[in-house]
């Protein structure tokens, strides 16, 4: 962009270069022009382009694909936005269809908003949001809005699909609405204790999440990335 601007100026003032440069030297405009160009270069150097990343996982139970999870990560100058959508159909005593949508927004590395919406056979089962207001997080449900004890949340579960949780001891679980422990089981393997008898195990290879085991007392599945 800058070289093109310089070429344009040279072509435009080609017939009066001598007069132009004499005027610049006499009025010290060269120095001012260099400052302006330097500021333009500096500004362009710190411009962070938007970036989007997408991941998809098959949800597998008993070696059968019963659903799909899509996760998007959008990076801009001011924020990082994660969105997750899932659609799972299976039979466990009875047929069920779970559809979920999640969103998380980070600014300056801190969670400022998250939401979880989930239906079971078209009936709403989970619907709440968390928002940072001032220095305090507030959770909003259909019944009330109340403050939370969490401070400066820097990771929630959706971030684990994109980043290996090295040196992270706790993560915010949106569904539980609280911080839960993260245990390093072995190299590249991390267990997230969601609640009693319910946990996720994230597996990584070269920093990429290659498998997630979601375990509960009644229902357990494995998430495997879909090759792009």
C-alpha atoms as a PDB file:
ATOM      1  CA  UNK A   1       0.000   0.000   0.000  1.00  0.00           C
ATOM      2  CA  UNK A   2       2.759   2.480   0.963  1.00  0.00           C
ATOM      3  CA  UNK A   3       4.995   1.799  -2.112  1.00  0.00           C
ATOM      4  CA  UNK A   4       1.968   2.308  -4.383  1.00  0.00           C
ATOM      5  CA  UNK A   5       1.295   5.654  -2.697  1.00  0.00           C
ATOM      6  CA  UNK A   6       4.892   6.785  -3.254  1.00  0.00           C
ATOM      7  CA  UNK A   7       4.797   5.775  -6.943  1.00  0.00           C
ATOM      8  CA  UNK A   8       1.553   7.678  -7.360  1.00  0.00           C
ATOM      9  CA  UNK A   9       3.037  10.838  -5.832  1.00  0.00           C
ATOM     10  CA  UNK A  10       6.151  10.619  -8.039  1.00  0.00           C
ATOM     11  CA  UNK A  11       4.076  10.237 -11.198  1.00  0.00           C
ATOM     12  CA  UNK A  12       1.723  13.023 -10.228  1.00  0.00           C
ATOM     13  CA  UNK A  13       4.462  15.545  -9.507  1.00  0.00           C
ATOM     14  CA  UNK A  14       6.970  14.330 -12.143  1.00  0.00           C
ATOM     15  CA  UNK A  15       6.913  17.613 -14.065  1.00  0.00           C
ATOM     16  CA  UNK A  16       7.628  19.758 -10.997  1.00  0.00           C
ATOM     17  CA  UNK A  17       9.965  17.562  -8.967  1.00  0.00           C
ATOM     18  CA  UNK A  18      12.750  20.141  -8.733  1.00  0.00           C
ATOM     19  CA  UNK A  19      10.445  22.905  -7.530  1.00  0.00           C
ATOM     20  CA  UNK A  20       8.662  20.450  -5.232  1.00  0.00           C
ATOM     21  CA  UNK A  21      11.834  19.230  -3.505  1.00  0.00           C
ATOM     22  CA  UNK A  22      13.297  22.770  -3.222  1.00  0.00           C
ATOM     23  CA  UNK A  23      10.091  23.818  -1.511  1.00  0.00           C
ATOM     24  CA  UNK A  24      10.204  20.783   0.753  1.00  0.00           C
ATOM     25  CA  UNK A  25      13.806  21.435   1.800  1.00  0.00           C
ATOM     26  CA  UNK A  26      13.241  25.136   2.433  1.00  0.00           C
ATOM     27  CA  UNK A  27      10.183  24.550   4.558  1.00  0.00           C
ATOM     28  CA  UNK A  28      11.404  21.386   6.281  1.00  0.00           C
ATOM     29  CA  UNK A  29       8.408  19.496   4.914  1.00  0.00           C
ATOM     30  CA  UNK A  30      10.537  16.416   4.200  1.00  0.00           C
ATOM     31  CA  UNK A  31      10.861  15.786   7.906  1.00  0.00           C
ATOM     32  CA  UNK A  32       7.119  16.193   8.391  1.00  0.00           C
ATOM     33  CA  UNK A  33       6.359  13.893   5.469  1.00  0.00           C
ATOM     34  CA  UNK A  34       8.631  11.205   6.910  1.00  0.00           C
ATOM     35  CA  UNK A  35       6.813  11.464  10.236  1.00  0.00           C
ATOM     36  CA  UNK A  36       3.439  11.067   8.530  1.00  0.00           C
ATOM     37  CA  UNK A  37       4.623   8.064   6.515  1.00  0.00           C
ATOM     38  CA  UNK A  38       6.138   6.554   9.653  1.00  0.00           C
ATOM     39  CA  UNK A  39       2.833   6.901  11.482  1.00  0.00           C
ATOM     40  CA  UNK A  40       1.004   5.247   8.593  1.00  0.00           C
ATOM     41  CA  UNK A  41       3.470   2.353   8.624  1.00  0.00           C
ATOM     42  CA  UNK A  42       3.200   2.031  12.399  1.00  0.00           C
ATOM     43  CA  UNK A  43      -0.580   2.007  12.265  1.00  0.00           C
ATOM     44  CA  UNK A  44      -0.670  -0.599   9.513  1.00  0.00           C
ATOM     45  CA  UNK A  45       1.796  -2.770  11.431  1.00  0.00           C
ATOM     46  CA  UNK A  46      -0.580  -3.002  14.387  1.00  0.00           C
ATOM     47  CA  UNK A  47      -3.713  -3.674  12.391  1.00  0.00           C
ATOM     48  CA  UNK A  48      -4.924  -7.156  13.276  1.00  0.00           C
ATOM     49  CA  UNK A  49      -6.908  -8.750  10.448  1.00  0.00           C
ATOM     50  CA  UNK A  50     -10.012 -10.752  11.242  1.00  0.00           C
ATOM     51  CA  UNK A  51      -9.509 -14.496  11.330  1.00  0.00           C
ATOM     52  CA  UNK A  52     -11.980 -17.352  11.360  1.00  0.00           C
ATOM     53  CA  UNK A  53     -11.437 -20.973  12.357  1.00  0.00           C
ATOM     54  CA  UNK A  54     -13.958 -23.803  12.227  1.00  0.00           C
ATOM     55  CA  UNK A  55     -13.983 -27.290  13.706  1.00  0.00           C
ATOM     56  CA  UNK A  56     -16.471 -30.128  13.381  1.00  0.00           C
ATOM     57  CA  UNK A  57     -16.718 -33.288  15.477  1.00  0.00           C
ATOM     58  CA  UNK A  58     -18.695 -36.467  15.025  1.00  0.00           C
ATOM     59  CA  UNK A  59     -20.462 -37.614  18.186  1.00  0.00           C
ATOM     60  CA  UNK A  60     -19.959 -41.364  18.453  1.00  0.00           C
ATOM     61  CA  UNK A  61     -21.628 -43.948  20.666  1.00  0.00           C
ATOM     62  CA  UNK A  62     -21.113 -47.686  20.285  1.00  0.00           C
ATOM     63  CA  UNK A  63     -19.125 -47.032  17.085  1.00  0.00           C
ATOM     64  CA  UNK A  64     -22.079 -45.220  15.501  1.00  0.00           C
ATOM     65  CA  UNK A  65     -22.290 -41.522  14.627  1.00  0.00           C
ATOM     66  CA  UNK A  66     -25.287 -40.109  16.477  1.00  0.00           C
ATOM     67  CA  UNK A  67     -24.649 -36.409  15.970  1.00  0.00           C
ATOM     68  CA  UNK A  68     -22.374 -33.566  14.955  1.00  0.00           C
ATOM     69  CA  UNK A  69     -20.882 -30.587  16.779  1.00  0.00           C
ATOM     70  CA  UNK A  70     -19.734 -27.481  14.886  1.00  0.00           C
ATOM     71  CA  UNK A  71     -17.533 -24.870  16.552  1.00  0.00           C
ATOM     72  CA  UNK A  72     -16.463 -21.532  15.088  1.00  0.00           C
ATOM     73  CA  UNK A  73     -13.821 -19.130  16.359  1.00  0.00           C
ATOM     74  CA  UNK A  74     -13.818 -15.574  15.034  1.00  0.00           C
ATOM     75  CA  UNK A  75     -10.895 -13.272  15.876  1.00  0.00           C
ATOM     76  CA  UNK A  76     -11.031  -9.514  15.309  1.00  0.00           C
ATOM     77  CA  UNK A  77      -9.113  -6.526  16.664  1.00  0.00           C
ATOM     78  CA  UNK A  78     -11.227  -6.189  19.787  1.00  0.00           C
ATOM     79  CA  UNK A  79     -12.625  -9.597  20.592  1.00  0.00           C
ATOM     80  CA  UNK A  80     -12.725 -13.346  20.099  1.00  0.00           C
ATOM     81  CA  UNK A  81     -16.120 -14.958  19.566  1.00  0.00           C
ATOM     82  CA  UNK A  82     -16.798 -18.680  19.882  1.00  0.00           C
ATOM     83  CA  UNK A  83     -20.045 -20.256  18.679  1.00  0.00           C
ATOM     84  CA  UNK A  84     -21.004 -23.885  19.081  1.00  0.00           C
ATOM     85  CA  UNK A  85     -23.954 -25.770  17.631  1.00  0.00           C
ATOM     86  CA  UNK A  86     -24.813 -29.417  18.182  1.00  0.00           C
ATOM     87  CA  UNK A  87     -27.453 -31.851  17.007  1.00  0.00           C
ATOM     88  CA  UNK A  88     -27.559 -35.316  18.554  1.00  0.00           C
ATOM     89  CA  UNK A  89     -30.101 -38.067  17.910  1.00  0.00           C
ATOM     90  CA  UNK A  90     -30.002 -41.351  19.799  1.00  0.00           C
ATOM     91  CA  UNK A  91     -32.046 -43.947  21.614  1.00  0.00           C
ATOM     92  CA  UNK A  92     -31.568 -44.629  25.284  1.00  0.00           C
ATOM     93  CA  UNK A  93     -34.646 -46.250  26.809  1.00  0.00           C
ATOM     94  CA  UNK A  94     -36.472 -43.820  24.508  1.00  0.00           C
ATOM     95  CA  UNK A  95     -35.602 -41.776  21.443  1.00  0.00           C
ATOM     96  CA  UNK A  96     -34.232 -38.342  22.061  1.00  0.00           C
ATOM     97  CA  UNK A  97     -32.943 -35.407  20.050  1.00  0.00           C
ATOM     98  CA  UNK A  98     -30.667 -32.885  21.750  1.00  0.00           C
ATOM     99  CA  UNK A  99     -30.038 -29.582  19.988  1.00  0.00           C
ATOM    100  CA  UNK A 100     -27.705 -27.037  21.527  1.00  0.00           C
ATOM    101  CA  UNK A 101     -26.273 -23.613  20.850  1.00  0.00           C
ATOM    102  CA  UNK A 102     -23.508 -21.899  22.800  1.00  0.00           C
ATOM    103  CA  UNK A 103     -21.696 -18.602  22.461  1.00  0.00           C
ATOM    104  CA  UNK A 104     -18.721 -17.068  24.247  1.00  0.00           C
ATOM    105  CA  UNK A 105     -17.187 -13.625  23.754  1.00  0.00           C
ATOM    106  CA  UNK A 106     -13.736 -12.656  25.035  1.00  0.00           C
ATOM    107  CA  UNK A 107     -12.234  -9.187  25.168  1.00  0.00           C
ATOM    108  CA  UNK A 108      -8.611  -8.627  26.154  1.00  0.00           C
ATOM    109  CA  UNK A 109      -8.401 -12.279  27.132  1.00  0.00           C
ATOM    110  CA  UNK A 110     -11.334 -12.144  29.561  1.00  0.00           C
ATOM    111  CA  UNK A 111     -14.782 -13.680  29.111  1.00  0.00           C
ATOM    112  CA  UNK A 112     -17.378 -10.902  28.898  1.00  0.00           C
ATOM    113  CA  UNK A 113     -20.396 -12.922  27.744  1.00  0.00           C
ATOM    114  CA  UNK A 114     -21.490 -16.517  27.321  1.00  0.00           C
ATOM    115  CA  UNK A 115     -24.763 -18.276  26.720  1.00  0.00           C
ATOM    116  CA  UNK A 116     -26.095 -21.817  26.609  1.00  0.00           C
ATOM    117  CA  UNK A 117     -29.349 -22.915  24.998  1.00  0.00           C
ATOM    118  CA  UNK A 118     -30.306 -26.571  24.799  1.00  0.00           C
ATOM    119  CA  UNK A 119     -33.480 -28.457  23.931  1.00  0.00           C
ATOM    120  CA  UNK A 120     -34.461 -32.079  24.450  1.00  0.00           C
ATOM    121  CA  UNK A 121     -37.118 -33.309  22.017  1.00  0.00           C
ATOM    122  CA  UNK A 122     -38.013 -29.671  21.268  1.00  0.00           C
ATOM    123  CA  UNK A 123     -38.437 -28.811  24.963  1.00  0.00           C
ATOM    124  CA  UNK A 124     -36.109 -26.190  26.448  1.00  0.00           C
ATOM    125  CA  UNK A 125     -33.904 -27.731  29.121  1.00  0.00           C
ATOM    126  CA  UNK A 126     -31.114 -25.168  29.467  1.00  0.00           C
ATOM    127  CA  UNK A 127     -31.322 -21.447  28.743  1.00  0.00           C
ATOM    128  CA  UNK A 128     -29.070 -19.011  30.559  1.00  0.00           C
ATOM    129  CA  UNK A 129     -26.368 -16.429  29.946  1.00  0.00           C
ATOM    130  CA  UNK A 130     -23.431 -14.959  31.834  1.00  0.00           C
ATOM    131  CA  UNK A 131     -22.320 -11.359  31.390  1.00  0.00           C
ATOM    132  CA  UNK A 132     -19.520  -9.304  32.894  1.00  0.00           C
ATOM    133  CA  UNK A 133     -20.881  -6.026  34.243  1.00  0.00           C
ATOM    134  CA  UNK A 134     -18.138  -3.835  35.648  1.00  0.00           C
ATOM    135  CA  UNK A 135     -16.011  -6.234  37.698  1.00  0.00           C
ATOM    136  CA  UNK A 136     -18.800  -8.689  38.480  1.00  0.00           C
ATOM    137  CA  UNK A 137     -20.280 -11.534  36.479  1.00  0.00           C
ATOM    138  CA  UNK A 138     -24.062 -11.864  36.447  1.00  0.00           C
ATOM    139  CA  UNK A 139     -26.014 -14.931  35.415  1.00  0.00           C
ATOM    140  CA  UNK A 140     -29.400 -14.474  33.786  1.00  0.00           C
ATOM    141  CA  UNK A 141     -32.079 -17.157  33.593  1.00  0.00           C
ATOM    142  CA  UNK A 142     -35.754 -16.940  32.743  1.00  0.00           C
ATOM    143  CA  UNK A 143     -36.477 -16.379  36.445  1.00  0.00           C
ATOM    144  CA  UNK A 144     -33.778 -14.052  37.733  1.00  0.00           C
ATOM    145  CA  UNK A 145     -30.484 -12.218  37.334  1.00  0.00           C
ATOM    146  CA  UNK A 146     -27.940 -12.661  40.102  1.00  0.00           C
ATOM    147  CA  UNK A 147     -24.226 -12.009  40.650  1.00  0.00           C
ATOM    148  CA  UNK A 148     -21.627 -14.775  40.550  1.00  0.00           C
ATOM    149  CA  UNK A 149     -18.504 -15.295  42.604  1.00  0.00           C
ATOM    150  CA  UNK A 150     -16.253 -15.969  39.586  1.00  0.00           C
ATOM    151  CA  UNK A 151     -13.626 -13.366  38.683  1.00  0.00           C
ATOM    152  CA  UNK A 152     -11.723 -12.778  35.419  1.00  0.00           C
ATOM    153  CA  UNK A 153     -12.728 -15.935  33.586  1.00  0.00           C
ATOM    154  CA  UNK A 154     -10.042 -16.575  30.965  1.00  0.00           C
ATOM    155  CA  UNK A 155     -11.134 -20.006  29.743  1.00  0.00           C
ATOM    156  CA  UNK A 156     -14.385 -21.849  29.303  1.00  0.00           C
ATOM    157  CA  UNK A 157     -14.803 -25.341  27.899  1.00  0.00           C
ATOM    158  CA  UNK A 158     -15.261 -24.276  24.286  1.00  0.00           C
ATOM    159  CA  UNK A 159     -11.733 -22.824  24.225  1.00  0.00           C
ATOM    160  CA  UNK A 160     -10.306 -26.301  24.887  1.00  0.00           C
ATOM    161  CA  UNK A 161     -11.296 -27.391  21.379  1.00  0.00           C
ATOM    162  CA  UNK A 162      -8.832 -24.848  19.969  1.00  0.00           C
ATOM    163  CA  UNK A 163      -6.134 -24.657  22.639  1.00  0.00           C
ATOM    164  CA  UNK A 164      -4.416 -27.280  24.754  1.00  0.00           C
ATOM    165  CA  UNK A 165      -5.001 -26.323  28.422  1.00  0.00           C
ATOM    166  CA  UNK A 166      -1.395 -26.380  29.555  1.00  0.00           C
ATOM    167  CA  UNK A 167      -0.893 -24.969  33.069  1.00  0.00           C
ATOM    168  CA  UNK A 168      -4.640 -24.459  33.541  1.00  0.00           C
ATOM    169  CA  UNK A 169      -6.082 -25.713  36.837  1.00  0.00           C
ATOM    170  CA  UNK A 170      -9.686 -24.513  36.523  1.00  0.00           C
ATOM    171  CA  UNK A 171     -12.046 -23.793  33.650  1.00  0.00           C
ATOM    172  CA  UNK A 172     -15.491 -22.212  33.559  1.00  0.00           C
ATOM    173  CA  UNK A 173     -18.204 -24.751  32.748  1.00  0.00           C
ATOM    174  CA  UNK A 174     -21.087 -22.828  31.202  1.00  0.00           C
ATOM    175  CA  UNK A 175     -23.601 -25.593  31.756  1.00  0.00           C
ATOM    176  CA  UNK A 176     -22.761 -25.891  35.466  1.00  0.00           C
ATOM    177  CA  UNK A 177     -22.316 -22.105  35.791  1.00  0.00           C
ATOM    178  CA  UNK A 178     -19.161 -22.510  37.839  1.00  0.00           C
ATOM    179  CA  UNK A 179     -15.427 -23.095  37.726  1.00  0.00           C
ATOM    180  CA  UNK A 180     -14.454 -26.775  37.621  1.00  0.00           C
ATOM    181  CA  UNK A 181     -11.046 -28.457  38.048  1.00  0.00           C
ATOM    182  CA  UNK A 182      -8.761 -29.475  35.187  1.00  0.00           C
ATOM    183  CA  UNK A 183      -6.423 -32.407  35.843  1.00  0.00           C
ATOM    184  CA  UNK A 184      -3.413 -33.214  33.651  1.00  0.00           C
ATOM    185  CA  UNK A 185      -3.687 -37.001  33.348  1.00  0.00           C
ATOM    186  CA  UNK A 186      -0.692 -37.550  31.065  1.00  0.00           C
ATOM    187  CA  UNK A 187       1.124 -35.859  28.217  1.00  0.00           C
ATOM    188  CA  UNK A 188      -1.569 -34.265  26.053  1.00  0.00           C
ATOM    189  CA  UNK A 189      -4.477 -35.667  28.106  1.00  0.00           C
ATOM    190  CA  UNK A 190      -6.623 -33.540  30.445  1.00  0.00           C
ATOM    191  CA  UNK A 191      -9.621 -34.480  32.571  1.00  0.00           C
ATOM    192  CA  UNK A 192     -12.269 -31.874  33.355  1.00  0.00           C
ATOM    193  CA  UNK A 193     -14.294 -32.768  36.452  1.00  0.00           C
ATOM    194  CA  UNK A 194     -17.720 -31.324  35.650  1.00  0.00           C
ATOM    195  CA  UNK A 195     -19.692 -32.868  38.512  1.00  0.00           C
ATOM    196  CA  UNK A 196     -19.852 -36.121  40.455  1.00  0.00           C
ATOM    197  CA  UNK A 197     -19.747 -38.955  37.952  1.00  0.00           C
ATOM    198  CA  UNK A 198     -19.611 -36.554  34.990  1.00  0.00           C
ATOM    199  CA  UNK A 199     -16.397 -35.523  33.272  1.00  0.00           C
ATOM    200  CA  UNK A 200     -14.746 -34.812  29.917  1.00  0.00           C
ATOM    201  CA  UNK A 201     -11.329 -36.050  28.849  1.00  0.00           C
ATOM    202  CA  UNK A 202      -9.582 -33.973  26.170  1.00  0.00           C
ATOM    203  CA  UNK A 203      -6.833 -35.580  24.089  1.00  0.00           C
ATOM    204  CA  UNK A 204      -4.252 -33.531  22.154  1.00  0.00           C
ATOM    205  CA  UNK A 205      -1.590 -34.260  19.589  1.00  0.00           C
ATOM    206  CA  UNK A 206       0.828 -31.508  18.643  1.00  0.00           C
ATOM    207  CA  UNK A 207      -1.496 -29.017  20.314  1.00  0.00           C
ATOM    208  CA  UNK A 208      -4.610 -30.085  18.386  1.00  0.00           C
ATOM    209  CA  UNK A 209      -7.641 -31.667  20.037  1.00  0.00           C
ATOM    210  CA  UNK A 210      -7.955 -35.114  18.465  1.00  0.00           C
ATOM    211  CA  UNK A 211     -10.582 -36.655  20.764  1.00  0.00           C
ATOM    212  CA  UNK A 212     -12.967 -35.787  23.564  1.00  0.00           C
ATOM    213  CA  UNK A 213     -14.533 -38.371  25.848  1.00  0.00           C
ATOM    214  CA  UNK A 214     -17.742 -37.083  27.449  1.00  0.00           C
ATOM    215  CA  UNK A 215     -18.637 -39.405  30.325  1.00  0.00           C
ATOM    216  CA  UNK A 216     -21.673 -39.411  32.610  1.00  0.00           C
ATOM    217  CA  UNK A 217     -23.487 -42.004  34.711  1.00  0.00           C
ATOM    218  CA  UNK A 218     -26.269 -42.482  32.183  1.00  0.00           C
ATOM    219  CA  UNK A 219     -24.795 -41.555  28.815  1.00  0.00           C
ATOM    220  CA  UNK A 220     -21.250 -41.420  27.415  1.00  0.00           C
ATOM    221  CA  UNK A 221     -20.012 -40.448  23.955  1.00  0.00           C
ATOM    222  CA  UNK A 222     -16.754 -39.797  22.121  1.00  0.00           C
ATOM    223  CA  UNK A 223     -16.083 -36.795  19.923  1.00  0.00           C
ATOM    224  CA  UNK A 224     -13.794 -37.307  16.932  1.00  0.00           C
ATOM    225  CA  UNK A 225     -12.766 -34.479  14.542  1.00  0.00           C
ATOM    226  CA  UNK A 226     -14.212 -34.579  11.031  1.00  0.00           C
ATOM    227  CA  UNK A 227     -11.437 -34.307   8.481  1.00  0.00           C
ATOM    228  CA  UNK A 228     -11.696 -31.036   6.564  1.00  0.00           C
END
